[in-house]
Amino acid sequence: MDITKIAKKYVDHGFKPIPLRPDSKIPAIKGWQKHIDEPVTDFTPFANTNSIGLVMGYDGIQCLDIDAKHFEGDEYNDFVALIEQNDATLMQRMVIQQTRSGGYHWIFKCSEIAGNEKLAKNKDGEVTFETRGRGGQIVVWPSAGYKIKGKITDVVEITPDERNIIWSCARMMTANVPKAEPMKNQPTDSVWSGDVDETTP
């Protein structure tokens, strides 16, 4: 597979691809964040890898990164159900990519954009839903284990209100961490109030 040729096709369709270390999520070049604003012109590094990343933030492109390996139940379907309750057509307008770990990228464009933000965690504090915006990047096809439903070139722009629906539903996936209950049958402060008479046997 010609990774350099595929990277050029990404550029031709208005994306900002960057080379990643082979079989890794780590960028293979320094200062890759500059490509939020600067064009990609040097394709030499793509010849030394099998993995491609896309810079988020350019032209409003951003992503909801769903990390299923940290799920404790059926969080993904619960999230989808919430989305459909709020907007029955919203999911259909997402470009959805399945990740190597079984998670998902919901990719879209919006005039409203921010940096990377953690939206939900499981009971152990591991992140399950987070954003990828300015300063972020995602691994994309044809990197090993990544599959796009449809075509990345079909990415569409949604409204800020629709983006807010996605973020709000994702935040609702945060696990309810049980609060520590007070220990029972323990002495209260009142038992120990007053002075201690050291002469008492």
N, C-alpha and C. Protein backbone atom coordinates (compact mmCIF):
# COMPACT_ATOMS: atom_id res chain seq x y z
N MET A 1 0.84 -1.19 0.00
CA MET A 1 0.00 0.00 0.00
C MET A 1 0.88 1.25 0.00
N ASP A 2 0.60 2.18 -0.88
CA ASP A 2 1.42 3.39 -1.02
C ASP A 2 0.89 4.47 -0.08
N ILE A 3 1.50 4.58 1.10
CA ILE A 3 1.05 5.53 2.11
C ILE A 3 1.24 6.97 1.63
N THR A 4 2.33 7.23 0.92
CA THR A 4 2.57 8.57 0.42
C THR A 4 1.47 9.01 -0.54
N LYS A 5 1.07 8.13 -1.41
CA LYS A 5 0.02 8.43 -2.38
C LYS A 5 -1.31 8.71 -1.66
N ILE A 6 -1.60 7.92 -0.63
CA ILE A 6 -2.84 8.11 0.13
C ILE A 6 -2.81 9.44 0.89
N ALA A 7 -1.63 9.79 1.44
CA ALA A 7 -1.50 11.07 2.14
C ALA A 7 -1.76 12.24 1.19
N LYS A 8 -1.28 12.14 -0.02
CA LYS A 8 -1.51 13.19 -1.02
C LYS A 8 -2.99 13.30 -1.36
N LYS A 9 -3.69 12.16 -1.39
CA LYS A 9 -5.13 12.19 -1.66
C LYS A 9 -5.88 12.89 -0.53
N TYR A 10 -5.43 12.65 0.72
CA TYR A 10 -6.03 13.36 1.85
C TYR A 10 -5.88 14.87 1.65
N VAL A 11 -4.70 15.30 1.26
CA VAL A 11 -4.45 16.72 1.03
C VAL A 11 -5.35 17.25 -0.10
N ASP A 12 -5.46 16.49 -1.16
CA ASP A 12 -6.29 16.90 -2.31
C ASP A 12 -7.75 17.12 -1.91
N HIS A 13 -8.20 16.41 -0.86
CA HIS A 13 -9.59 16.52 -0.42
C HIS A 13 -9.74 17.48 0.77
N GLY A 14 -8.69 18.26 1.05
CA GLY A 14 -8.80 19.31 2.05
C GLY A 14 -8.44 18.94 3.47
N PHE A 15 -7.72 17.81 3.65
CA PHE A 15 -7.31 17.40 4.99
C PHE A 15 -5.83 17.69 5.22
N LYS A 16 -5.40 17.58 6.47
CA LYS A 16 -4.00 17.78 6.84
C LYS A 16 -3.45 16.49 7.43
N PRO A 17 -2.95 15.57 6.60
CA PRO A 17 -2.38 14.32 7.11
C PRO A 17 -0.98 14.52 7.66
N ILE A 18 -0.63 13.72 8.64
CA ILE A 18 0.74 13.71 9.17
C ILE A 18 1.19 12.26 9.30
N PRO A 19 2.50 12.01 9.14
CA PRO A 19 3.00 10.65 9.32
C PRO A 19 3.10 10.30 10.80
N LEU A 20 2.72 9.09 11.15
CA LEU A 20 2.87 8.59 12.52
C LEU A 20 3.98 7.54 12.54
N ARG A 21 4.49 7.26 13.73
CA ARG A 21 5.46 6.17 13.84
C ARG A 21 4.76 4.86 13.43
N PRO A 22 5.48 3.93 12.83
CA PRO A 22 4.85 2.69 12.37
C PRO A 22 4.05 2.00 13.47
N ASP A 23 2.79 1.66 13.15
CA ASP A 23 1.88 0.97 14.08
C ASP A 23 1.71 1.72 15.39
N SER A 24 1.71 3.05 15.32
CA SER A 24 1.65 3.86 16.53
C SER A 24 0.70 5.04 16.34
N LYS A 25 0.32 5.67 17.46
CA LYS A 25 -0.48 6.89 17.42
C LYS A 25 0.39 8.13 17.53
N ILE A 26 1.69 7.94 17.68
CA ILE A 26 2.61 9.05 17.94
C ILE A 26 3.10 9.66 16.64
N PRO A 27 2.98 10.99 16.47
CA PRO A 27 3.47 11.64 15.25
C PRO A 27 4.97 11.38 15.05
N ALA A 28 5.33 11.18 13.78
CA ALA A 28 6.73 10.89 13.44
C ALA A 28 7.52 12.16 13.14
N ILE A 29 6.85 13.30 13.19
CA ILE A 29 7.53 14.58 12.93
C ILE A 29 7.28 15.53 14.09
N LYS A 30 8.23 16.43 14.32
CA LYS A 30 8.08 17.43 15.37
C LYS A 30 7.34 18.64 14.81
N GLY A 31 6.63 19.32 15.69
CA GLY A 31 5.93 20.53 15.29
C GLY A 31 4.77 20.31 14.35
N TRP A 32 4.16 19.12 14.44
CA TRP A 32 3.07 18.80 13.52
C TRP A 32 1.86 19.71 13.71
N GLN A 33 1.74 20.32 14.91
CA GLN A 33 0.58 21.18 15.17
C GLN A 33 0.52 22.38 14.23
N LYS A 34 1.67 22.75 13.64
CA LYS A 34 1.68 23.90 12.74
C LYS A 34 0.76 23.70 11.54
N HIS A 35 0.45 22.43 11.24
CA HIS A 35 -0.36 22.15 10.07
C HIS A 35 -1.85 22.43 10.29
N ILE A 36 -2.21 22.89 11.49
CA ILE A 36 -3.56 23.41 11.66
C ILE A 36 -3.74 24.60 10.72
N ASP A 37 -2.65 25.36 10.54
CA ASP A 37 -2.71 26.56 9.72
C ASP A 37 -1.86 26.48 8.45
N GLU A 38 -0.79 25.68 8.50
CA GLU A 38 0.12 25.62 7.36
C GLU A 38 -0.15 24.38 6.49
N PRO A 39 0.05 24.50 5.17
CA PRO A 39 -0.20 23.36 4.28
C PRO A 39 0.83 22.25 4.48
N VAL A 40 0.45 21.04 4.12
CA VAL A 40 1.36 19.90 4.13
C VAL A 40 2.03 19.83 2.75
N THR A 41 3.34 20.01 2.73
CA THR A 41 4.07 20.01 1.45
C THR A 41 5.17 18.96 1.38
N ASP A 42 5.66 18.51 2.54
CA ASP A 42 6.74 17.52 2.56
C ASP A 42 6.15 16.14 2.82
N PHE A 43 6.15 15.31 1.79
CA PHE A 43 5.58 13.97 1.90
C PHE A 43 6.65 12.90 2.12
N THR A 44 7.91 13.31 2.23
CA THR A 44 9.00 12.35 2.40
C THR A 44 8.82 11.42 3.60
N PRO A 45 8.42 11.95 4.78
CA PRO A 45 8.29 11.07 5.97
C PRO A 45 7.25 9.97 5.82
N PHE A 46 6.29 10.13 4.91
CA PHE A 46 5.26 9.11 4.75
C PHE A 46 5.81 7.82 4.15
N ALA A 47 6.98 7.90 3.54
CA ALA A 47 7.58 6.72 2.92
C ALA A 47 8.12 5.75 3.96
N ASN A 48 8.23 6.20 5.20
CA ASN A 48 8.85 5.39 6.25
C ASN A 48 7.86 4.88 7.29
N THR A 49 6.58 4.90 6.95
CA THR A 49 5.58 4.47 7.93
C THR A 49 4.41 3.77 7.25
N ASN A 50 3.58 3.14 8.07
CA ASN A 50 2.34 2.52 7.58
C ASN A 50 1.12 3.14 8.26
N SER A 51 1.35 4.27 8.94
CA SER A 51 0.27 4.88 9.72
C SER A 51 0.13 6.37 9.42
N ILE A 52 -1.11 6.82 9.33
CA ILE A 52 -1.40 8.22 9.02
C ILE A 52 -2.29 8.81 10.11
N GLY A 53 -2.01 10.05 10.46
CA GLY A 53 -2.87 10.80 11.36
C GLY A 53 -3.47 11.98 10.63
N LEU A 54 -4.59 12.48 11.13
CA LEU A 54 -5.19 13.70 10.58
C LEU A 54 -5.17 14.77 11.65
N VAL A 55 -4.67 15.95 11.29
CA VAL A 55 -4.65 17.08 12.22
C VAL A 55 -6.06 17.61 12.38
N MET A 56 -6.50 17.75 13.62
CA MET A 56 -7.81 18.30 13.91
C MET A 56 -7.71 19.83 14.07
N GLY A 57 -8.80 20.50 13.83
CA GLY A 57 -8.84 21.95 14.00
C GLY A 57 -8.83 22.72 12.70
N TYR A 58 -8.27 22.14 11.65
CA TYR A 58 -8.23 22.81 10.36
C TYR A 58 -9.59 22.76 9.69
N ASP A 59 -10.06 23.91 9.22
CA ASP A 59 -11.34 23.98 8.50
C ASP A 59 -12.50 23.43 9.33
N GLY A 60 -12.39 23.56 10.64
CA GLY A 60 -13.47 23.14 11.53
C GLY A 60 -13.56 21.65 11.79
N ILE A 61 -12.63 20.86 11.24
CA ILE A 61 -12.74 19.41 11.43
C ILE A 61 -12.37 19.03 12.87
N GLN A 62 -13.17 18.15 13.43
CA GLN A 62 -12.96 17.72 14.82
C GLN A 62 -13.58 16.34 15.01
N CYS A 63 -13.43 15.81 16.20
CA CYS A 63 -13.80 14.41 16.39
C CYS A 63 -14.23 14.14 17.83
N LEU A 64 -15.22 13.28 17.98
CA LEU A 64 -15.53 12.70 19.29
C LEU A 64 -14.83 11.35 19.32
N ASP A 65 -13.90 11.20 20.25
CA ASP A 65 -13.10 9.98 20.37
C ASP A 65 -13.71 9.12 21.48
N ILE A 66 -14.22 7.95 21.11
CA ILE A 66 -14.91 7.06 22.04
C ILE A 66 -14.03 5.85 22.31
N ASP A 67 -13.59 5.70 23.55
CA ASP A 67 -12.63 4.65 23.90
C ASP A 67 -13.36 3.48 24.57
N ALA A 68 -13.77 2.51 23.76
CA ALA A 68 -14.61 1.42 24.25
C ALA A 68 -13.87 0.47 25.18
N LYS A 69 -12.54 0.43 25.12
CA LYS A 69 -11.83 -0.54 25.96
C LYS A 69 -11.96 -0.20 27.45
N HIS A 70 -12.42 1.01 27.75
CA HIS A 70 -12.63 1.40 29.15
C HIS A 70 -14.10 1.35 29.56
N PHE A 71 -14.95 0.83 28.68
CA PHE A 71 -16.36 0.73 29.02
C PHE A 71 -16.57 -0.31 30.12
N GLU A 72 -17.61 -0.07 30.91
CA GLU A 72 -17.99 -1.02 31.96
C GLU A 72 -19.33 -1.68 31.66
N GLY A 73 -19.97 -1.23 30.59
CA GLY A 73 -21.27 -1.80 30.20
C GLY A 73 -21.52 -1.54 28.73
N ASP A 74 -22.74 -1.12 28.40
CA ASP A 74 -23.13 -0.89 27.01
C ASP A 74 -23.18 0.61 26.73
N GLU A 75 -22.12 1.32 27.12
CA GLU A 75 -22.11 2.77 27.02
C GLU A 75 -22.31 3.28 25.59
N TYR A 76 -21.77 2.59 24.62
CA TYR A 76 -21.87 3.10 23.25
C TYR A 76 -23.33 3.12 22.79
N ASN A 77 -24.04 2.03 22.96
CA ASN A 77 -25.44 2.00 22.54
C ASN A 77 -26.31 2.93 23.37
N ASP A 78 -25.95 3.10 24.65
CA ASP A 78 -26.67 4.07 25.48
C ASP A 78 -26.46 5.48 24.94
N PHE A 79 -25.24 5.77 24.53
CA PHE A 79 -24.92 7.08 23.96
C PHE A 79 -25.67 7.31 22.65
N VAL A 80 -25.65 6.31 21.78
CA VAL A 80 -26.36 6.42 20.49
C VAL A 80 -27.86 6.65 20.72
N ALA A 81 -28.43 5.95 21.70
CA ALA A 81 -29.86 6.12 22.00
C ALA A 81 -30.16 7.55 22.44
N LEU A 82 -29.27 8.12 23.24
CA LEU A 82 -29.45 9.51 23.67
C LEU A 82 -29.39 10.46 22.49
N ILE A 83 -28.42 10.23 21.60
CA ILE A 83 -28.29 11.06 20.41
C ILE A 83 -29.58 11.02 19.60
N GLU A 84 -30.09 9.82 19.37
CA GLU A 84 -31.28 9.67 18.54
C GLU A 84 -32.52 10.28 19.19
N GLN A 85 -32.57 10.28 20.51
CA GLN A 85 -33.68 10.93 21.20
C GLN A 85 -33.68 12.44 20.98
N ASN A 86 -32.49 12.99 20.83
CA ASN A 86 -32.35 14.44 20.66
C ASN A 86 -32.39 14.87 19.20
N ASP A 87 -31.86 14.03 18.31
CA ASP A 87 -31.83 14.35 16.88
C ASP A 87 -31.69 13.06 16.10
N ALA A 88 -32.76 12.63 15.48
CA ALA A 88 -32.80 11.33 14.82
C ALA A 88 -31.89 11.24 13.61
N THR A 89 -31.46 12.38 13.07
CA THR A 89 -30.64 12.35 11.85
C THR A 89 -29.16 12.63 12.09
N LEU A 90 -28.81 13.00 13.32
CA LEU A 90 -27.45 13.47 13.59
C LEU A 90 -26.39 12.39 13.37
N MET A 91 -26.63 11.19 13.86
CA MET A 91 -25.65 10.12 13.71
C MET A 91 -25.42 9.78 12.24
N GLN A 92 -26.48 9.88 11.44
CA GLN A 92 -26.37 9.56 10.01
C GLN A 92 -25.44 10.52 9.28
N ARG A 93 -25.22 11.71 9.85
CA ARG A 93 -24.37 12.71 9.21
C ARG A 93 -22.93 12.66 9.69
N MET A 94 -22.64 11.73 10.58
CA MET A 94 -21.28 11.56 11.05
C MET A 94 -20.49 10.65 10.11
N VAL A 95 -19.20 10.95 9.93
CA VAL A 95 -18.28 9.96 9.37
C VAL A 95 -17.76 9.18 10.56
N ILE A 96 -18.05 7.88 10.61
CA ILE A 96 -17.70 7.08 11.78
C ILE A 96 -16.59 6.09 11.41
N GLN A 97 -15.54 6.14 12.20
CA GLN A 97 -14.41 5.23 12.00
C GLN A 97 -14.27 4.33 13.22
N GLN A 98 -14.10 3.03 12.98
CA GLN A 98 -13.85 2.11 14.08
C GLN A 98 -12.35 2.04 14.31
N THR A 99 -11.96 2.10 15.57
CA THR A 99 -10.54 2.13 15.91
C THR A 99 -10.01 0.72 16.16
N ARG A 100 -8.71 0.64 16.29
CA ARG A 100 -8.07 -0.66 16.47
C ARG A 100 -8.48 -1.33 17.78
N SER A 101 -8.81 -0.52 18.80
CA SER A 101 -9.18 -1.08 20.10
C SER A 101 -10.68 -1.33 20.24
N GLY A 102 -11.43 -1.14 19.12
CA GLY A 102 -12.86 -1.37 19.17
C GLY A 102 -13.68 -0.15 19.50
N GLY A 103 -13.02 0.99 19.59
CA GLY A 103 -13.73 2.25 19.85
C GLY A 103 -14.19 2.90 18.55
N TYR A 104 -14.54 4.18 18.66
CA TYR A 104 -15.09 4.88 17.50
C TYR A 104 -14.60 6.32 17.45
N HIS A 105 -14.46 6.82 16.23
CA HIS A 105 -14.26 8.25 15.98
C HIS A 105 -15.50 8.77 15.26
N TRP A 106 -16.16 9.76 15.83
CA TRP A 106 -17.24 10.47 15.14
C TRP A 106 -16.64 11.75 14.59
N ILE A 107 -16.50 11.83 13.28
CA ILE A 107 -15.78 12.93 12.64
C ILE A 107 -16.77 13.86 11.93
N PHE A 108 -16.58 15.15 12.13
CA PHE A 108 -17.47 16.14 11.51
C PHE A 108 -16.76 17.49 11.47
N LYS A 109 -17.41 18.48 10.87
CA LYS A 109 -16.91 19.85 10.88
C LYS A 109 -17.93 20.75 11.57
N CYS A 110 -17.43 21.81 12.18
CA CYS A 110 -18.30 22.77 12.83
C CYS A 110 -17.55 24.10 12.96
N SER A 111 -18.29 25.20 12.84
CA SER A 111 -17.65 26.51 12.98
C SER A 111 -17.19 26.76 14.41
N GLU A 112 -17.81 26.07 15.36
CA GLU A 112 -17.40 26.18 16.76
C GLU A 112 -16.43 25.06 17.08
N ILE A 113 -15.28 25.42 17.61
CA ILE A 113 -14.26 24.41 17.89
C ILE A 113 -13.42 24.85 19.08
N ALA A 114 -12.88 23.89 19.79
CA ALA A 114 -12.01 24.19 20.94
C ALA A 114 -10.85 23.20 20.91
N GLY A 115 -10.16 23.08 22.03
CA GLY A 115 -9.06 22.12 22.10
C GLY A 115 -9.57 20.73 22.46
N ASN A 116 -8.70 19.92 23.02
CA ASN A 116 -9.07 18.57 23.44
C ASN A 116 -9.68 18.62 24.84
N GLU A 117 -10.77 17.91 25.03
CA GLU A 117 -11.45 17.93 26.32
C GLU A 117 -11.97 16.55 26.68
N LYS A 118 -11.75 16.15 27.93
CA LYS A 118 -12.29 14.88 28.43
C LYS A 118 -13.74 15.09 28.84
N LEU A 119 -14.64 14.30 28.28
CA LEU A 119 -16.06 14.48 28.53
C LEU A 119 -16.65 13.48 29.51
N ALA A 120 -16.14 12.25 29.52
CA ALA A 120 -16.71 11.22 30.40
C ALA A 120 -15.63 10.22 30.81
N LYS A 121 -15.82 9.66 32.01
CA LYS A 121 -14.88 8.66 32.53
C LYS A 121 -15.66 7.50 33.14
N ASN A 122 -14.99 6.37 33.29
CA ASN A 122 -15.62 5.25 33.99
C ASN A 122 -15.39 5.39 35.49
N LYS A 123 -15.82 4.40 36.27
CA LYS A 123 -15.71 4.50 37.72
C LYS A 123 -14.27 4.53 38.22
N ASP A 124 -13.35 4.02 37.40
CA ASP A 124 -11.94 4.03 37.78
C ASP A 124 -11.22 5.29 37.31
N GLY A 125 -11.97 6.22 36.72
CA GLY A 125 -11.38 7.46 36.26
C GLY A 125 -10.74 7.39 34.89
N GLU A 126 -10.95 6.28 34.18
CA GLU A 126 -10.40 6.16 32.83
C GLU A 126 -11.33 6.83 31.83
N VAL A 127 -10.75 7.56 30.89
CA VAL A 127 -11.54 8.35 29.94
C VAL A 127 -12.24 7.44 28.94
N THR A 128 -13.53 7.68 28.72
CA THR A 128 -14.30 6.90 27.76
C THR A 128 -14.75 7.76 26.57
N PHE A 129 -15.02 9.03 26.80
CA PHE A 129 -15.42 9.94 25.73
C PHE A 129 -14.60 11.23 25.85
N GLU A 130 -13.98 11.65 24.76
CA GLU A 130 -13.23 12.90 24.76
C GLU A 130 -13.24 13.52 23.37
N THR A 131 -12.92 14.80 23.32
CA THR A 131 -12.91 15.51 22.04
C THR A 131 -11.50 15.56 21.48
N ARG A 132 -11.43 15.71 20.17
CA ARG A 132 -10.17 15.97 19.49
C ARG A 132 -10.40 17.21 18.62
N GLY A 133 -9.88 18.35 19.11
CA GLY A 133 -10.04 19.61 18.40
C GLY A 133 -8.69 20.22 18.09
N ARG A 134 -8.58 21.53 18.22
CA ARG A 134 -7.31 22.20 17.93
C ARG A 134 -6.22 21.67 18.87
N GLY A 135 -5.09 21.30 18.30
CA GLY A 135 -4.01 20.73 19.08
C GLY A 135 -4.08 19.22 19.18
N GLY A 136 -5.07 18.62 18.52
CA GLY A 136 -5.22 17.16 18.56
C GLY A 136 -5.09 16.54 17.18
N GLN A 137 -4.95 15.24 17.16
CA GLN A 137 -4.92 14.48 15.90
C GLN A 137 -5.49 13.11 16.16
N ILE A 138 -5.97 12.48 15.10
CA ILE A 138 -6.50 11.13 15.21
C ILE A 138 -5.83 10.22 14.18
N VAL A 139 -5.73 8.95 14.52
CA VAL A 139 -5.21 7.95 13.57
C VAL A 139 -6.34 7.61 12.61
N VAL A 140 -6.01 7.49 11.33
CA VAL A 140 -7.04 7.19 10.34
C VAL A 140 -6.59 6.08 9.39
N TRP A 141 -7.59 5.55 8.66
CA TRP A 141 -7.33 4.59 7.60
C TRP A 141 -6.31 5.20 6.64
N PRO A 142 -5.35 4.40 6.12
CA PRO A 142 -5.27 2.94 6.14
C PRO A 142 -4.39 2.38 7.27
N SER A 143 -4.21 3.14 8.35
CA SER A 143 -3.45 2.61 9.48
C SER A 143 -4.08 1.30 9.94
N ALA A 144 -3.25 0.35 10.36
CA ALA A 144 -3.72 -1.00 10.69
C ALA A 144 -4.80 -0.97 11.77
N GLY A 145 -5.92 -1.64 11.52
CA GLY A 145 -6.98 -1.77 12.50
C GLY A 145 -8.03 -0.68 12.46
N TYR A 146 -7.89 0.30 11.55
CA TYR A 146 -8.84 1.41 11.47
C TYR A 146 -9.71 1.26 10.22
N LYS A 147 -11.03 1.31 10.42
CA LYS A 147 -11.96 1.13 9.32
C LYS A 147 -12.99 2.25 9.32
N ILE A 148 -13.15 2.91 8.18
CA ILE A 148 -14.11 3.99 8.07
C ILE A 148 -15.39 3.48 7.42
N LYS A 149 -16.53 3.82 8.06
CA LYS A 149 -17.83 3.50 7.48
C LYS A 149 -18.15 4.59 6.46
N GLY A 150 -18.15 4.23 5.19
CA GLY A 150 -18.34 5.23 4.15
C GLY A 150 -17.01 5.82 3.74
N LYS A 151 -16.98 7.12 3.47
CA LYS A 151 -15.76 7.78 3.02
C LYS A 151 -15.47 9.00 3.89
N ILE A 152 -14.20 9.19 4.23
CA ILE A 152 -13.81 10.35 5.02
C ILE A 152 -14.12 11.64 4.28
N THR A 153 -14.14 11.56 2.95
CA THR A 153 -14.41 12.76 2.14
C THR A 153 -15.88 13.18 2.23
N ASP A 154 -16.72 12.35 2.84
CA ASP A 154 -18.13 12.69 3.01
C ASP A 154 -18.38 13.52 4.28
N VAL A 155 -17.32 13.91 4.98
CA VAL A 155 -17.49 14.65 6.23
C VAL A 155 -18.28 15.93 5.96
N VAL A 156 -19.25 16.21 6.84
CA VAL A 156 -20.13 17.36 6.66
C VAL A 156 -20.03 18.31 7.85
N GLU A 157 -20.51 19.52 7.63
CA GLU A 157 -20.53 20.52 8.70
C GLU A 157 -21.86 20.48 9.42
N ILE A 158 -21.80 20.50 10.75
CA ILE A 158 -23.01 20.56 11.56
C ILE A 158 -23.04 21.90 12.29
N THR A 159 -24.18 22.22 12.87
CA THR A 159 -24.32 23.50 13.56
C THR A 159 -23.73 23.42 14.97
N PRO A 160 -23.41 24.57 15.57
CA PRO A 160 -22.95 24.55 16.96
C PRO A 160 -23.95 23.90 17.91
N ASP A 161 -25.24 24.07 17.66
CA ASP A 161 -26.25 23.43 18.51
C ASP A 161 -26.20 21.91 18.39
N GLU A 162 -25.98 21.42 17.18
CA GLU A 162 -25.88 19.97 16.97
C GLU A 162 -24.60 19.44 17.62
N ARG A 163 -23.55 20.20 17.53
CA ARG A 163 -22.29 19.81 18.20
C ARG A 163 -22.51 19.74 19.71
N ASN A 164 -23.28 20.67 20.25
CA ASN A 164 -23.55 20.68 21.67
C ASN A 164 -24.35 19.46 22.10
N ILE A 165 -25.24 18.98 21.22
CA ILE A 165 -25.99 17.76 21.52
C ILE A 165 -25.02 16.59 21.70
N ILE A 166 -24.05 16.47 20.78
CA ILE A 166 -23.08 15.38 20.86
C ILE A 166 -22.28 15.46 22.14
N TRP A 167 -21.77 16.65 22.45
CA TRP A 167 -20.95 16.81 23.66
C TRP A 167 -21.77 16.55 24.92
N SER A 168 -23.01 17.05 24.96
CA SER A 168 -23.85 16.88 26.15
C SER A 168 -24.19 15.41 26.38
N CYS A 169 -24.54 14.70 25.30
CA CYS A 169 -24.85 13.27 25.44
C CYS A 169 -23.62 12.49 25.89
N ALA A 170 -22.46 12.87 25.39
CA ALA A 170 -21.22 12.19 25.80
C ALA A 170 -20.95 12.42 27.29
N ARG A 171 -21.16 13.64 27.76
CA ARG A 171 -20.94 13.94 29.18
C ARG A 171 -21.85 13.10 30.08
N MET A 172 -23.04 12.77 29.58
CA MET A 172 -23.98 11.98 30.37
C MET A 172 -23.53 10.54 30.54
N MET A 173 -22.47 10.15 29.83
CA MET A 173 -21.95 8.79 29.95
C MET A 173 -20.96 8.63 31.10
N THR A 174 -20.68 9.71 31.82
CA THR A 174 -19.80 9.63 32.97
C THR A 174 -20.39 8.71 34.04
N ALA A 175 -19.59 7.81 34.55
CA ALA A 175 -20.06 6.86 35.56
C ALA A 175 -20.32 7.58 36.87
N ASN A 176 -21.33 7.11 37.58
CA ASN A 176 -21.60 7.62 38.92
C ASN A 176 -20.68 6.92 39.90
N VAL A 177 -19.70 7.64 40.39
CA VAL A 177 -18.75 7.05 41.33
C VAL A 177 -19.39 6.97 42.70
N PRO A 178 -19.48 5.78 43.29
CA PRO A 178 -20.12 5.65 44.61
C PRO A 178 -19.39 6.49 45.66
N LYS A 179 -20.18 7.18 46.49
CA LYS A 179 -19.59 7.96 47.57
C LYS A 179 -19.26 7.04 48.74
N ALA A 180 -18.18 7.34 49.41
CA ALA A 180 -17.78 6.54 50.56
C ALA A 180 -18.80 6.71 51.68
N GLU A 181 -19.28 5.60 52.22
CA GLU A 181 -20.24 5.67 53.31
C GLU A 181 -19.51 5.76 54.64
N PRO A 182 -20.09 6.50 55.59
CA PRO A 182 -19.43 6.59 56.91
C PRO A 182 -19.38 5.23 57.59
N MET A 183 -18.32 5.01 58.32
CA MET A 183 -18.18 3.74 59.04
C MET A 183 -19.20 3.67 60.17
N LYS A 184 -19.82 2.50 60.29
CA LYS A 184 -20.85 2.33 61.32
C LYS A 184 -20.23 1.85 62.63
N ASN A 185 -20.98 2.12 63.71
CA ASN A 185 -20.58 1.66 65.05
C ASN A 185 -19.21 2.19 65.46
N GLN A 186 -18.92 3.42 65.00
CA GLN A 186 -17.67 4.06 65.39
C GLN A 186 -17.98 5.16 66.41
N PRO A 187 -17.07 5.40 67.35
CA PRO A 187 -17.32 6.45 68.34
C PRO A 187 -17.42 7.81 67.66
N THR A 188 -18.33 8.65 68.15
CA THR A 188 -18.46 10.00 67.63
C THR A 188 -17.60 10.93 68.45
N ASP A 189 -17.49 12.15 68.00
CA ASP A 189 -16.67 13.14 68.72
C ASP A 189 -17.17 13.36 70.14
N SER A 190 -18.51 13.22 70.34
CA SER A 190 -19.08 13.51 71.65
C SER A 190 -18.58 12.53 72.71
N VAL A 191 -18.22 11.32 72.33
CA VAL A 191 -17.72 10.33 73.28
C VAL A 191 -16.43 10.81 73.90
N TRP A 192 -15.64 11.52 73.09
CA TRP A 192 -14.31 11.93 73.54
C TRP A 192 -14.27 13.38 74.00
N SER A 193 -15.41 14.04 74.16
CA SER A 193 -15.41 15.43 74.60
C SER A 193 -15.08 15.51 76.08
N GLY A 194 -14.45 16.58 76.48
CA GLY A 194 -14.08 16.77 77.88
C GLY A 194 -12.67 16.30 78.15
N ASP A 195 -12.21 16.52 79.36
CA ASP A 195 -10.85 16.15 79.73
C ASP A 195 -10.78 14.68 80.12
N VAL A 196 -9.63 14.09 79.91
CA VAL A 196 -9.40 12.70 80.30
C VAL A 196 -8.79 12.69 81.70
N ASP A 197 -9.41 11.92 82.60
CA ASP A 197 -8.90 11.80 83.97
C ASP A 197 -7.91 10.64 84.00
N GLU A 198 -6.62 10.99 83.98
CA GLU A 198 -5.59 9.94 83.90
C GLU A 198 -5.51 9.13 85.18
N THR A 199 -6.17 9.58 86.26
CA THR A 199 -6.10 8.84 87.51
C THR A 199 -7.13 7.73 87.58
N THR A 200 -8.08 7.74 86.65
CA THR A 200 -9.11 6.71 86.66
C THR A 200 -8.51 5.38 86.23
N PRO A 201 -8.68 4.31 87.04
CA PRO A 201 -8.07 2.99 86.66
C PRO A 201 -8.75 2.42 85.43
